[in-house]
Amino acid sequence: MTLLIQMAWRNIWRSPWRSGVVVGAMALGVWAGVFMMGLAQGVNDARTAAALDDFVGHAQITDSNFTANQDVQALLAQPAQWTAALDAHPEVESWSERLVLMA
């Protein structure tokens, strides 16, 4: 076994230029893989944040009947109480009333 390792070590350094190119290519490949994984994670996080901010929001307050079957007649009881609570809450930056219709 040690003879095999010695022969392999000598073969590696028999052509240092070739060995350097191979090591450099492997390092570049590993770096590119890590970079692309980080880039993909960042893009995914940005898309998730944009979707939450632009389309859905971080929370929805709906009647339980609306959640079950998307019935537009299922309105919140006492909507003024909900709007006052949202206006008074310091962590709520903004809110809007929405109506979902099936066209």
C-alpha atoms as a PDB file:
ATOM      1  CA  MET A   1       0.000   0.000   0.000  1.00  0.00           C
ATOM      2  CA  THR A   2       2.786   2.420   0.838  1.00  0.00           C
ATOM      3  CA  LEU A   3       4.451   1.685  -2.497  1.00  0.00           C
ATOM      4  CA  LEU A   4       1.236   2.653  -4.284  1.00  0.00           C
ATOM      5  CA  ILE A   5       1.038   5.926  -2.341  1.00  0.00           C
ATOM      6  CA  GLN A   6       4.693   6.692  -3.073  1.00  0.00           C
ATOM      7  CA  MET A   7       4.174   6.077  -6.788  1.00  0.00           C
ATOM      8  CA  ALA A   8       1.050   8.244  -6.818  1.00  0.00           C
ATOM      9  CA  TRP A   9       2.860  11.069  -5.003  1.00  0.00           C
ATOM     10  CA  ARG A  10       5.742  10.955  -7.476  1.00  0.00           C
ATOM     11  CA  ASN A  11       3.320  10.914 -10.393  1.00  0.00           C
ATOM     12  CA  ILE A  12       1.543  13.988  -9.044  1.00  0.00           C
ATOM     13  CA  TRP A  13       4.759  16.004  -8.835  1.00  0.00           C
ATOM     14  CA  ARG A  14       6.237  14.613 -12.043  1.00  0.00           C
ATOM     15  CA  SER A  15       4.361  17.356 -13.873  1.00  0.00           C
ATOM     16  CA  PRO A  16       3.771  20.213 -11.422  1.00  0.00           C
ATOM     17  CA  TRP A  17       2.135  22.426 -14.055  1.00  0.00           C
ATOM     18  CA  ARG A  18      -0.514  19.797 -14.825  1.00  0.00           C
ATOM     19  CA  SER A  19      -1.084  19.129 -11.125  1.00  0.00           C
ATOM     20  CA  GLY A  20      -1.491  22.848 -10.465  1.00  0.00           C
ATOM     21  CA  VAL A  21      -4.013  23.188 -13.271  1.00  0.00           C
ATOM     22  CA  VAL A  22      -6.040  20.251 -11.943  1.00  0.00           C
ATOM     23  CA  VAL A  23      -5.976  21.556  -8.359  1.00  0.00           C
ATOM     24  CA  GLY A  24      -6.896  25.037  -9.592  1.00  0.00           C
ATOM     25  CA  ALA A  25      -9.773  23.686 -11.672  1.00  0.00           C
ATOM     26  CA  MET A  26     -11.080  21.715  -8.712  1.00  0.00           C
ATOM     27  CA  ALA A  27     -10.821  24.757  -6.429  1.00  0.00           C
ATOM     28  CA  LEU A  28     -12.599  26.915  -9.000  1.00  0.00           C
ATOM     29  CA  GLY A  29     -15.340  24.297  -9.352  1.00  0.00           C
ATOM     30  CA  VAL A  30     -15.888  24.073  -5.599  1.00  0.00           C
ATOM     31  CA  TRP A  31     -15.911  27.870  -5.294  1.00  0.00           C
ATOM     32  CA  ALA A  32     -18.386  28.173  -8.187  1.00  0.00           C
ATOM     33  CA  GLY A  33     -20.655  25.570  -6.604  1.00  0.00           C
ATOM     34  CA  VAL A  34     -20.660  27.336  -3.242  1.00  0.00           C
ATOM     35  CA  PHE A  35     -21.200  30.701  -4.950  1.00  0.00           C
ATOM     36  CA  MET A  36     -24.133  29.410  -7.000  1.00  0.00           C
ATOM     37  CA  MET A  37     -25.739  27.803  -3.952  1.00  0.00           C
ATOM     38  CA  GLY A  38     -25.455  31.096  -2.075  1.00  0.00           C
ATOM     39  CA  LEU A  39     -26.789  33.046  -5.038  1.00  0.00           C
ATOM     40  CA  ALA A  40     -29.738  30.684  -5.443  1.00  0.00           C
ATOM     41  CA  GLN A  41     -30.536  30.917  -1.724  1.00  0.00           C
ATOM     42  CA  GLY A  42     -30.365  34.711  -1.854  1.00  0.00           C
ATOM     43  CA  VAL A  43     -32.606  34.894  -4.918  1.00  0.00           C
ATOM     44  CA  ASN A  44     -35.087  32.527  -3.294  1.00  0.00           C
ATOM     45  CA  ASP A  45     -35.154  34.593  -0.088  1.00  0.00           C
ATOM     46  CA  ALA A  46     -35.628  37.802  -2.086  1.00  0.00           C
ATOM     47  CA  ARG A  47     -38.467  36.288  -4.133  1.00  0.00           C
ATOM     48  CA  THR A  48     -40.172  35.041  -0.978  1.00  0.00           C
ATOM     49  CA  ALA A  49     -39.904  38.456   0.677  1.00  0.00           C
ATOM     50  CA  ALA A  50     -41.146  40.200  -2.467  1.00  0.00           C
ATOM     51  CA  ALA A  51     -44.104  37.846  -2.776  1.00  0.00           C
ATOM     52  CA  LEU A  52     -45.049  38.388   0.852  1.00  0.00           C
ATOM     53  CA  ASP A  53     -44.692  42.148   0.599  1.00  0.00           C
ATOM     54  CA  ASP A  54     -46.385  42.600  -2.775  1.00  0.00           C
ATOM     55  CA  PHE A  55     -49.028  39.914  -3.108  1.00  0.00           C
ATOM     56  CA  VAL A  56     -50.023  38.097   0.055  1.00  0.00           C
ATOM     57  CA  GLY A  57     -48.735  39.998   3.045  1.00  0.00           C
ATOM     58  CA  HIS A  58     -47.586  38.470   6.263  1.00  0.00           C
ATOM     59  CA  ALA A  59     -51.047  37.767   7.638  1.00  0.00           C
ATOM     60  CA  GLN A  60     -54.641  37.450   6.556  1.00  0.00           C
ATOM     61  CA  ILE A  61     -57.652  37.897   8.784  1.00  0.00           C
ATOM     62  CA  THR A  62     -60.602  35.998   7.359  1.00  0.00           C
ATOM     63  CA  ASP A  63     -63.767  34.339   8.522  1.00  0.00           C
ATOM     64  CA  SER A  64     -63.476  30.574   8.985  1.00  0.00           C
ATOM     65  CA  ASN A  65     -66.204  29.980   6.371  1.00  0.00           C
ATOM     66  CA  PHE A  66     -64.244  32.003   3.837  1.00  0.00           C
ATOM     67  CA  THR A  67     -61.139  29.919   4.449  1.00  0.00           C
ATOM     68  CA  ALA A  68     -63.071  26.685   4.011  1.00  0.00           C
ATOM     69  CA  ASN A  69     -64.874  27.409   0.731  1.00  0.00           C
ATOM     70  CA  GLN A  70     -63.954  30.932  -0.491  1.00  0.00           C
ATOM     71  CA  ASP A  71     -67.509  32.130   0.092  1.00  0.00           C
ATOM     72  CA  VAL A  72     -67.638  35.899  -0.529  1.00  0.00           C
ATOM     73  CA  GLN A  73     -70.669  36.179   1.748  1.00  0.00           C
ATOM     74  CA  ALA A  74     -68.560  35.022   4.716  1.00  0.00           C
ATOM     75  CA  LEU A  75     -67.655  38.444   6.079  1.00  0.00           C
ATOM     76  CA  LEU A  76     -65.923  39.264   9.328  1.00  0.00           C
ATOM     77  CA  ALA A  77     -68.194  40.023  12.226  1.00  0.00           C
ATOM     78  CA  GLN A  78     -67.546  43.526  13.585  1.00  0.00           C
ATOM     79  CA  PRO A  79     -65.020  44.744  11.001  1.00  0.00           C
ATOM     80  CA  ALA A  80     -64.670  48.092  12.790  1.00  0.00           C
ATOM     81  CA  GLN A  81     -63.168  46.290  15.774  1.00  0.00           C
ATOM     82  CA  TRP A  82     -60.567  44.634  13.530  1.00  0.00           C
ATOM     83  CA  THR A  83     -59.647  47.858  11.746  1.00  0.00           C
ATOM     84  CA  ALA A  84     -59.273  49.716  15.049  1.00  0.00           C
ATOM     85  CA  ALA A  85     -57.041  46.956  16.400  1.00  0.00           C
ATOM     86  CA  LEU A  86     -54.864  47.033  13.278  1.00  0.00           C
ATOM     87  CA  ASP A  87     -54.580  50.822  13.402  1.00  0.00           C
ATOM     88  CA  ALA A  88     -53.627  50.757  17.083  1.00  0.00           C
ATOM     89  CA  HIS A  89     -50.982  48.025  16.800  1.00  0.00           C
ATOM     90  CA  PRO A  90     -47.477  49.573  16.629  1.00  0.00           C
ATOM     91  CA  GLU A  91     -45.906  46.749  14.582  1.00  0.00           C
ATOM     92  CA  VAL A  92     -48.477  46.917  11.778  1.00  0.00           C
ATOM     93  CA  GLU A  93     -46.962  49.106   9.076  1.00  0.00           C
ATOM     94  CA  SER A  94     -49.942  49.052   6.751  1.00  0.00           C
ATOM     95  CA  TRP A  95     -53.013  47.028   5.953  1.00  0.00           C
ATOM     96  CA  SER A  96     -55.767  46.956   3.387  1.00  0.00           C
ATOM     97  CA  GLU A  97     -59.164  45.418   2.969  1.00  0.00           C
ATOM     98  CA  ARG A  98     -59.437  42.953   0.132  1.00  0.00           C
ATOM     99  CA  LEU A  99     -62.251  41.190  -1.595  1.00  0.00           C
ATOM    100  CA  VAL A 100     -61.576  37.964  -3.475  1.00  0.00           C
ATOM    101  CA  LEU A 101     -63.924  37.287  -6.364  1.00  0.00           C
ATOM    102  CA  MET A 102     -63.982  34.278  -8.621  1.00  0.00           C
ATOM    103  CA  ALA A 103     -64.326  35.679 -12.132  1.00  0.00           C
END
